[in-house]
All heavy atoms as atom14 arrays in JSON, in Angstrom:
{
  "sequence": "SFDDFLAQLSSRKRKDLRKERAAAQQGVTIRQLRGAEIRG",
  "atom14_mask": [
    [1, 1, 1, 1, 1, 1, 0, 0, 0, 0, 0, 0, 0, 0],
    [1, 1, 1, 1, 1, 1, 1, 1, 1, 1, 1, 0, 0, 0],
    [1, 1, 1, 1, 1, 1, 1, 1, 0, 0, 0, 0, 0, 0],
    [1, 1, 1, 1, 1, 1, 1, 1, 0, 0, 0, 0, 0, 0],
    [1, 1, 1, 1, 1, 1, 1, 1, 1, 1, 1, 0, 0, 0],
    [1, 1, 1, 1, 1, 1, 1, 1, 0, 0, 0, 0, 0, 0],
    [1, 1, 1, 1, 1, 0, 0, 0, 0, 0, 0, 0, 0, 0],
    [1, 1, 1, 1, 1, 1, 1, 1, 1, 0, 0, 0, 0, 0],
    [1, 1, 1, 1, 1, 1, 1, 1, 0, 0, 0, 0, 0, 0],
    [1, 1, 1, 1, 1, 1, 0, 0, 0, 0, 0, 0, 0, 0],
    [1, 1, 1, 1, 1, 1, 0, 0, 0, 0, 0, 0, 0, 0],
    [1, 1, 1, 1, 1, 1, 1, 1, 1, 1, 1, 0, 0, 0],
    [1, 1, 1, 1, 1, 1, 1, 1, 1, 0, 0, 0, 0, 0],
    [1, 1, 1, 1, 1, 1, 1, 1, 1, 1, 1, 0, 0, 0],
    [1, 1, 1, 1, 1, 1, 1, 1, 1, 0, 0, 0, 0, 0],
    [1, 1, 1, 1, 1, 1, 1, 1, 0, 0, 0, 0, 0, 0],
    [1, 1, 1, 1, 1, 1, 1, 1, 0, 0, 0, 0, 0, 0],
    [1, 1, 1, 1, 1, 1, 1, 1, 1, 1, 1, 0, 0, 0],
    [1, 1, 1, 1, 1, 1, 1, 1, 1, 0, 0, 0, 0, 0],
    [1, 1, 1, 1, 1, 1, 1, 1, 1, 0, 0, 0, 0, 0],
    [1, 1, 1, 1, 1, 1, 1, 1, 1, 1, 1, 0, 0, 0],
    [1, 1, 1, 1, 1, 0, 0, 0, 0, 0, 0, 0, 0, 0],
    [1, 1, 1, 1, 1, 0, 0, 0, 0, 0, 0, 0, 0, 0],
    [1, 1, 1, 1, 1, 0, 0, 0, 0, 0, 0, 0, 0, 0],
    [1, 1, 1, 1, 1, 1, 1, 1, 1, 0, 0, 0, 0, 0],
    [1, 1, 1, 1, 1, 1, 1, 1, 1, 0, 0, 0, 0, 0],
    [1, 1, 1, 1, 0, 0, 0, 0, 0, 0, 0, 0, 0, 0],
    [1, 1, 1, 1, 1, 1, 1, 0, 0, 0, 0, 0, 0, 0],
    [1, 1, 1, 1, 1, 1, 1, 0, 0, 0, 0, 0, 0, 0],
    [1, 1, 1, 1, 1, 1, 1, 1, 0, 0, 0, 0, 0, 0],
    [1, 1, 1, 1, 1, 1, 1, 1, 1, 1, 1, 0, 0, 0],
    [1, 1, 1, 1, 1, 1, 1, 1, 1, 0, 0, 0, 0, 0],
    [1, 1, 1, 1, 1, 1, 1, 1, 0, 0, 0, 0, 0, 0],
    [1, 1, 1, 1, 1, 1, 1, 1, 1, 1, 1, 0, 0, 0],
    [1, 1, 1, 1, 0, 0, 0, 0, 0, 0, 0, 0, 0, 0],
    [1, 1, 1, 1, 1, 0, 0, 0, 0, 0, 0, 0, 0, 0],
    [1, 1, 1, 1, 1, 1, 1, 1, 1, 0, 0, 0, 0, 0],
    [1, 1, 1, 1, 1, 1, 1, 1, 0, 0, 0, 0, 0, 0],
    [1, 1, 1, 1, 1, 1, 1, 1, 1, 1, 1, 0, 0, 0],
    [1, 1, 1, 1, 0, 0, 0, 0, 0, 0, 0, 0, 0, 0]
  ],
  "atom14_positions": [
    [[15.18, -11.22, -23.75], [14.65, -10.78, -22.41], [13.2, -10.33, -22.55], [12.7, -10.15, -23.7], [15.48, -9.61, -21.88], [15.33, -8.49, -22.74], [0.0, 0.0, 0.0], [0.0, 0.0, 0.0], [0.0, 0.0, 0.0], [0.0, 0.0, 0.0], [0.0, 0.0, 0.0], [0.0, 0.0, 0.0], [0.0, 0.0, 0.0], [0.0, 0.0, 0.0]],
    [[12.57, -10.12, -21.43], [11.2, -9.55, -21.48], [11.19, -8.22, -22.13], [10.24, -7.84, -22.83], [10.7, -9.48, -20.0], [9.18, -9.28, -19.97], [8.29, -10.34, -20.0], [8.68, -8.0, -19.86], [6.91, -10.15, -19.94], [7.29, -7.78, -19.8], [6.43, -8.87, -19.8], [0.0, 0.0, 0.0], [0.0, 0.0, 0.0], [0.0, 0.0, 0.0]],
    [[12.23, -7.42, -21.9], [12.29, -6.08, -22.49], [12.32, -6.17, -24.04], [11.79, -5.31, -24.72], [13.48, -5.3, -21.98], [13.24, -4.7, -20.56], [12.05, -4.59, -20.23], [14.21, -4.4, -19.9], [0.0, 0.0, 0.0], [0.0, 0.0, 0.0], [0.0, 0.0, 0.0], [0.0, 0.0, 0.0], [0.0, 0.0, 0.0], [0.0, 0.0, 0.0]],
    [[13.02, -7.2, -24.53], [13.07, -7.39, -25.99], [11.62, -7.63, -26.53], [11.22, -7.1, -27.56], [13.9, -8.62, -26.34], [15.38, -8.25, -26.44], [15.73, -7.1, -26.23], [16.17, -9.22, -26.63], [0.0, 0.0, 0.0], [0.0, 0.0, 0.0], [0.0, 0.0, 0.0], [0.0, 0.0, 0.0], [0.0, 0.0, 0.0], [0.0, 0.0, 0.0]],
    [[10.86, -8.46, -25.8], [9.5, -8.64, -26.13], [8.69, -7.34, -26.07], [7.96, -6.98, -26.97], [8.83, -9.7, -25.25], [7.36, -9.68, -25.16], [6.57, -9.9, -26.25], [6.75, -9.43, -23.9], [5.15, -9.89, -26.13], [5.38, -9.36, -23.78], [4.59, -9.63, -24.91], [0.0, 0.0, 0.0], [0.0, 0.0, 0.0], [0.0, 0.0, 0.0]],
    [[8.81, -6.62, -24.97], [8.12, -5.36, -24.8], [8.38, -4.39, -26.01], [7.52, -3.63, -26.42], [8.43, -4.68, -23.5], [7.92, -5.29, -22.22], [8.36, -4.45, -20.98], [6.38, -5.38, -22.29], [0.0, 0.0, 0.0], [0.0, 0.0, 0.0], [0.0, 0.0, 0.0], [0.0, 0.0, 0.0], [0.0, 0.0, 0.0], [0.0, 0.0, 0.0]],
    [[9.61, -4.4, -26.46], [9.99, -3.51, -27.55], [9.16, -3.69, -28.77], [9.06, -2.79, -29.69], [11.47, -3.64, -27.87], [0.0, 0.0, 0.0], [0.0, 0.0, 0.0], [0.0, 0.0, 0.0], [0.0, 0.0, 0.0], [0.0, 0.0, 0.0], [0.0, 0.0, 0.0], [0.0, 0.0, 0.0], [0.0, 0.0, 0.0], [0.0, 0.0, 0.0]],
    [[8.53, -4.86, -28.95], [7.71, -5.15, -30.09], [6.26, -4.65, -29.93], [5.53, -4.66, -30.89], [7.62, -6.63, -30.39], [9.01, -7.24, -30.64], [9.73, -6.61, -31.83], [9.17, -6.49, -32.93], [10.9, -6.06, -31.61], [0.0, 0.0, 0.0], [0.0, 0.0, 0.0], [0.0, 0.0, 0.0], [0.0, 0.0, 0.0], [0.0, 0.0, 0.0]],
    [[5.91, -4.14, -28.74], [4.57, -3.73, -28.52], [4.44, -2.19, -28.83], [5.44, -1.46, -28.87], [4.21, -3.96, -27.03], [4.26, -5.4, -26.58], [3.76, -5.46, -25.12], [3.47, -6.36, -27.43], [0.0, 0.0, 0.0], [0.0, 0.0, 0.0], [0.0, 0.0, 0.0], [0.0, 0.0, 0.0], [0.0, 0.0, 0.0], [0.0, 0.0, 0.0]],
    [[3.23, -1.81, -29.01], [2.97, -0.36, -29.24], [3.36, 0.39, -27.92], [3.4, -0.22, -26.82], [1.5, -0.1, -29.5], [0.68, -0.39, -28.37], [0.0, 0.0, 0.0], [0.0, 0.0, 0.0], [0.0, 0.0, 0.0], [0.0, 0.0, 0.0], [0.0, 0.0, 0.0], [0.0, 0.0, 0.0], [0.0, 0.0, 0.0], [0.0, 0.0, 0.0]],
    [[3.68, 1.66, -28.01], [4.15, 2.4, -26.84], [3.16, 2.34, -25.74], [3.57, 2.16, -24.54], [4.39, 3.85, -27.28], [4.73, 4.65, -26.14], [0.0, 0.0, 0.0], [0.0, 0.0, 0.0], [0.0, 0.0, 0.0], [0.0, 0.0, 0.0], [0.0, 0.0, 0.0], [0.0, 0.0, 0.0], [0.0, 0.0, 0.0], [0.0, 0.0, 0.0]],
    [[1.88, 2.51, -25.96], [0.87, 2.49, -24.93], [0.81, 1.2, -24.21], [0.72, 1.09, -23.01], [-0.51, 2.91, -25.49], [-1.58, 2.98, -24.44], [-2.85, 3.48, -25.02], [-3.38, 2.62, -26.11], [-4.17, 1.55, -25.78], [-4.4, 1.23, -24.53], [-4.62, 0.8, -26.76], [0.0, 0.0, 0.0], [0.0, 0.0, 0.0], [0.0, 0.0, 0.0]],
    [[0.83, 0.07, -25.0], [0.74, -1.28, -24.42], [2.03, -1.57, -23.59], [1.94, -2.21, -22.56], [0.54, -2.31, -25.5], [-0.81, -2.25, -26.2], [-1.95, -2.58, -25.17], [-3.29, -2.63, -25.79], [-4.36, -2.82, -24.77], [0.0, 0.0, 0.0], [0.0, 0.0, 0.0], [0.0, 0.0, 0.0], [0.0, 0.0, 0.0], [0.0, 0.0, 0.0]],
    [[3.14, -1.09, -24.12], [4.4, -1.32, -23.37], [4.35, -0.67, -22.0], [4.71, -1.28, -20.97], [5.54, -0.77, -24.23], [6.88, -1.14, -23.72], [7.93, -0.92, -24.84], [8.0, 0.37, -25.45], [7.69, 0.68, -26.67], [7.32, -0.27, -27.51], [7.78, 1.93, -27.1], [0.0, 0.0, 0.0], [0.0, 0.0, 0.0], [0.0, 0.0, 0.0]],
    [[3.82, 0.54, -21.93], [3.69, 1.25, -20.63], [2.71, 0.5, -19.77], [2.92, 0.39, -18.52], [3.25, 2.68, -20.9], [4.36, 3.57, -21.57], [3.79, 4.94, -21.84], [4.84, 5.82, -22.57], [4.28, 7.12, -22.91], [0.0, 0.0, 0.0], [0.0, 0.0, 0.0], [0.0, 0.0, 0.0], [0.0, 0.0, 0.0], [0.0, 0.0, 0.0]],
    [[1.62, 0.07, -20.31], [0.56, -0.64, -19.52], [1.18, -1.86, -18.88], [0.9, -2.12, -17.71], [-0.6, -1.05, -20.45], [-1.43, 0.2, -20.83], [-1.31, 1.24, -20.26], [-2.25, 0.0, -21.79], [0.0, 0.0, 0.0], [0.0, 0.0, 0.0], [0.0, 0.0, 0.0], [0.0, 0.0, 0.0], [0.0, 0.0, 0.0], [0.0, 0.0, 0.0]],
    [[1.91, -2.66, -19.65], [2.44, -3.92, -19.13], [3.47, -3.63, -18.02], [3.51, -4.35, -16.99], [3.06, -4.76, -20.2], [2.12, -5.81, -20.83], [0.94, -5.16, -21.5], [2.85, -6.7, -21.8], [0.0, 0.0, 0.0], [0.0, 0.0, 0.0], [0.0, 0.0, 0.0], [0.0, 0.0, 0.0], [0.0, 0.0, 0.0], [0.0, 0.0, 0.0]],
    [[4.3, -2.61, -18.21], [5.31, -2.27, -17.19], [4.59, -1.84, -15.86], [5.03, -2.19, -14.78], [6.2, -1.17, -17.7], [7.24, -1.68, -18.69], [8.23, -0.61, -19.15], [9.32, -1.18, -19.9], [9.82, -0.6, -21.03], [9.27, 0.53, -21.46], [10.81, -1.17, -21.63], [0.0, 0.0, 0.0], [0.0, 0.0, 0.0], [0.0, 0.0, 0.0]],
    [[3.5, -1.07, -16.02], [2.78, -0.65, -14.84], [2.14, -1.83, -14.08], [2.12, -1.92, -12.91], [1.7, 0.35, -15.24], [2.2, 1.74, -15.59], [1.09, 2.67, -16.02], [1.6, 4.05, -16.38], [0.51, 4.99, -16.87], [0.0, 0.0, 0.0], [0.0, 0.0, 0.0], [0.0, 0.0, 0.0], [0.0, 0.0, 0.0], [0.0, 0.0, 0.0]],
    [[1.6, -2.79, -14.93], [0.99, -3.95, -14.3], [1.97, -4.75, -13.56], [1.71, -5.21, -12.43], [0.31, -4.78, -15.45], [-0.94, -4.19, -15.97], [-1.66, -5.11, -16.92], [-1.16, -6.21, -17.22], [-2.7, -4.7, -17.49], [0.0, 0.0, 0.0], [0.0, 0.0, 0.0], [0.0, 0.0, 0.0], [0.0, 0.0, 0.0], [0.0, 0.0, 0.0]],
    [[3.16, -4.96, -14.14], [4.19, -5.78, -13.49], [4.65, -5.11, -12.19], [4.84, -5.72, -11.14], [5.37, -6.01, -14.36], [5.1, -6.87, -15.61], [6.33, -7.56, -16.15], [6.62, -8.77, -15.28], [7.6, -9.62, -15.54], [8.34, -9.42, -16.67], [7.85, -10.63, -14.77], [0.0, 0.0, 0.0], [0.0, 0.0, 0.0], [0.0, 0.0, 0.0]],
    [[4.81, -3.78, -12.23], [5.33, -3.07, -11.05], [4.26, -3.14, -9.95], [4.59, -3.35, -8.79], [5.59, -1.6, -11.41], [0.0, 0.0, 0.0], [0.0, 0.0, 0.0], [0.0, 0.0, 0.0], [0.0, 0.0, 0.0], [0.0, 0.0, 0.0], [0.0, 0.0, 0.0], [0.0, 0.0, 0.0], [0.0, 0.0, 0.0], [0.0, 0.0, 0.0]],
    [[2.98, -3.03, -10.28], [1.93, -3.07, -9.27], [1.83, -4.48, -8.67], [1.61, -4.64, -7.46], [0.6, -2.64, -9.88], [0.0, 0.0, 0.0], [0.0, 0.0, 0.0], [0.0, 0.0, 0.0], [0.0, 0.0, 0.0], [0.0, 0.0, 0.0], [0.0, 0.0, 0.0], [0.0, 0.0, 0.0], [0.0, 0.0, 0.0], [0.0, 0.0, 0.0]],
    [[1.88, -5.45, -9.56], [1.79, -6.86, -9.08], [2.95, -7.28, -8.15], [2.78, -8.01, -7.2], [1.7, -7.81, -10.26], [0.0, 0.0, 0.0], [0.0, 0.0, 0.0], [0.0, 0.0, 0.0], [0.0, 0.0, 0.0], [0.0, 0.0, 0.0], [0.0, 0.0, 0.0], [0.0, 0.0, 0.0], [0.0, 0.0, 0.0], [0.0, 0.0, 0.0]],
    [[4.14, -6.74, -8.46], [5.3, -7.16, -7.68], [5.54, -6.34, -6.41], [6.3, -6.75, -5.55], [6.56, -6.98, -8.59], [6.6, -7.97, -9.76], [7.77, -7.69, -10.7], [8.66, -6.88, -10.38], [7.78, -8.4, -11.85], [0.0, 0.0, 0.0], [0.0, 0.0, 0.0], [0.0, 0.0, 0.0], [0.0, 0.0, 0.0], [0.0, 0.0, 0.0]],
    [[4.83, -5.23, -6.25], [4.95, -4.42, -5.08], [4.53, -5.16, -3.83], [3.47, -5.68, -3.68], [4.1, -3.15, -5.21], [4.36, -2.14, -4.06], [3.58, -0.81, -4.3], [2.7, -0.76, -5.18], [3.93, 0.16, -3.54], [0.0, 0.0, 0.0], [0.0, 0.0, 0.0], [0.0, 0.0, 0.0], [0.0, 0.0, 0.0], [0.0, 0.0, 0.0]],
    [[5.48, -5.23, -2.88], [5.19, -5.89, -1.59], [5.18, -7.38, -1.56], [4.82, -8.01, -0.53], [0.0, 0.0, 0.0], [0.0, 0.0, 0.0], [0.0, 0.0, 0.0], [0.0, 0.0, 0.0], [0.0, 0.0, 0.0], [0.0, 0.0, 0.0], [0.0, 0.0, 0.0], [0.0, 0.0, 0.0], [0.0, 0.0, 0.0], [0.0, 0.0, 0.0]],
    [[5.57, -8.04, -2.66], [5.58, -9.44, -2.68], [6.95, -9.96, -3.23], [7.65, -9.2, -3.91], [4.43, -10.07, -3.56], [3.09, -9.6, -3.13], [4.65, -9.76, -5.05], [0.0, 0.0, 0.0], [0.0, 0.0, 0.0], [0.0, 0.0, 0.0], [0.0, 0.0, 0.0], [0.0, 0.0, 0.0], [0.0, 0.0, 0.0], [0.0, 0.0, 0.0]],
    [[7.27, -11.17, -2.89], [8.41, -11.87, -3.45], [7.93, -12.99, -4.29], [7.05, -13.83, -3.91], [9.29, -12.44, -2.34], [9.74, -11.38, -1.48], [10.51, -13.2, -2.87], [0.0, 0.0, 0.0], [0.0, 0.0, 0.0], [0.0, 0.0, 0.0], [0.0, 0.0, 0.0], [0.0, 0.0, 0.0], [0.0, 0.0, 0.0], [0.0, 0.0, 0.0]],
    [[8.44, -13.09, -5.53], [7.98, -14.13, -6.48], [9.17, -15.05, -6.72], [10.31, -14.68, -6.95], [7.5, -13.49, -7.76], [6.29, -12.62, -7.5], [7.18, -14.59, -8.86], [5.81, -11.77, -8.7], [0.0, 0.0, 0.0], [0.0, 0.0, 0.0], [0.0, 0.0, 0.0], [0.0, 0.0, 0.0], [0.0, 0.0, 0.0], [0.0, 0.0, 0.0]],
    [[8.88, -16.41, -6.63], [9.86, -17.36, -6.8], [9.42, -18.37, -7.89], [8.21, -18.77, -7.9], [10.18, -18.12, -5.52], [10.87, -17.29, -4.44], [11.14, -18.13, -3.24], [12.1, -19.26, -3.55], [12.27, -20.35, -2.81], [11.58, -20.48, -1.68], [13.1, -21.24, -3.17], [0.0, 0.0, 0.0], [0.0, 0.0, 0.0], [0.0, 0.0, 0.0]],
    [[10.32, -18.76, -8.74], [10.06, -19.89, -9.7], [10.78, -21.11, -9.14], [11.95, -21.16, -9.04], [10.6, -19.53, -11.08], [9.89, -18.31, -11.72], [10.29, -18.13, -13.18], [11.09, -18.89, -13.74], [9.72, -17.09, -13.84], [0.0, 0.0, 0.0], [0.0, 0.0, 0.0], [0.0, 0.0, 0.0], [0.0, 0.0, 0.0], [0.0, 0.0, 0.0]],
    [[9.93, -22.19, -8.9], [10.46, -23.35, -8.3], [10.35, -24.54, -9.25], [9.36, -24.69, -9.96], [9.6, -23.69, -7.07], [9.52, -22.6, -6.02], [8.52, -22.95, -4.9], [10.9, -22.31, -5.38], [0.0, 0.0, 0.0], [0.0, 0.0, 0.0], [0.0, 0.0, 0.0], [0.0, 0.0, 0.0], [0.0, 0.0, 0.0], [0.0, 0.0, 0.0]],
    [[11.42, -25.4, -9.19], [11.43, -26.6, -10.07], [11.99, -27.8, -9.25], [12.82, -27.54, -8.35], [12.27, -26.43, -11.34], [11.64, -25.5, -12.41], [12.51, -25.44, -13.64], [12.64, -26.73, -14.25], [13.43, -26.93, -15.33], [14.11, -25.98, -15.87], [13.49, -28.12, -15.92], [0.0, 0.0, 0.0], [0.0, 0.0, 0.0], [0.0, 0.0, 0.0]],
    [[11.59, -28.94, -9.65], [12.19, -30.21, -9.17], [12.22, -30.26, -7.64], [11.19, -30.06, -6.95], [0.0, 0.0, 0.0], [0.0, 0.0, 0.0], [0.0, 0.0, 0.0], [0.0, 0.0, 0.0], [0.0, 0.0, 0.0], [0.0, 0.0, 0.0], [0.0, 0.0, 0.0], [0.0, 0.0, 0.0], [0.0, 0.0, 0.0], [0.0, 0.0, 0.0]],
    [[13.38, -30.48, -7.05], [13.52, -30.65, -5.61], [13.25, -29.34, -4.86], [13.02, -29.38, -3.61], [14.9, -31.14, -5.26], [0.0, 0.0, 0.0], [0.0, 0.0, 0.0], [0.0, 0.0, 0.0], [0.0, 0.0, 0.0], [0.0, 0.0, 0.0], [0.0, 0.0, 0.0], [0.0, 0.0, 0.0], [0.0, 0.0, 0.0], [0.0, 0.0, 0.0]],
    [[13.2, -28.25, -5.51], [12.89, -26.95, -4.87], [11.42, -26.94, -4.41], [11.05, -26.22, -3.46], [13.14, -25.79, -5.77], [14.59, -25.57, -6.25], [14.72, -24.49, -7.19], [13.87, -24.39, -8.13], [15.7, -23.7, -7.1], [0.0, 0.0, 0.0], [0.0, 0.0, 0.0], [0.0, 0.0, 0.0], [0.0, 0.0, 0.0], [0.0, 0.0, 0.0]],
    [[10.56, -27.7, -5.05], [9.16, -27.77, -4.72], [8.99, -28.77, -3.59], [9.15, -29.99, -3.74], [8.27, -28.16, -5.88], [8.57, -27.26, -7.13], [6.82, -28.09, -5.53], [7.88, -27.74, -8.4], [0.0, 0.0, 0.0], [0.0, 0.0, 0.0], [0.0, 0.0, 0.0], [0.0, 0.0, 0.0], [0.0, 0.0, 0.0], [0.0, 0.0, 0.0]],
    [[8.65, -28.25, -2.42], [8.48, -29.09, -1.25], [7.0, -29.24, -0.85], [6.14, -28.59, -1.42], [9.25, -28.53, -0.05], [10.73, -28.38, -0.38], [11.54, -27.97, 0.9], [11.05, -26.73, 1.48], [11.52, -25.52, 1.09], [12.44, -25.42, 0.23], [11.05, -24.43, 1.71], [0.0, 0.0, 0.0], [0.0, 0.0, 0.0], [0.0, 0.0, 0.0]],
    [[6.77, -30.11, 0.13], [5.39, -30.39, 0.55], [4.61, -29.16, 0.9], [3.42, -29.02, 0.65], [0.0, 0.0, 0.0], [0.0, 0.0, 0.0], [0.0, 0.0, 0.0], [0.0, 0.0, 0.0], [0.0, 0.0, 0.0], [0.0, 0.0, 0.0], [0.0, 0.0, 0.0], [0.0, 0.0, 0.0], [0.0, 0.0, 0.0], [0.0, 0.0, 0.0]]
  ]
}
């Protein structure tokens, strides 16, 4: 998981990345699309 990866980072960097993800995701919906899911 992503958390497994974060566990390998230094404590400060781990906190920084979690803050960045939370800020980026606030107020938006993110979707990963493949194949027929990708429309015109």
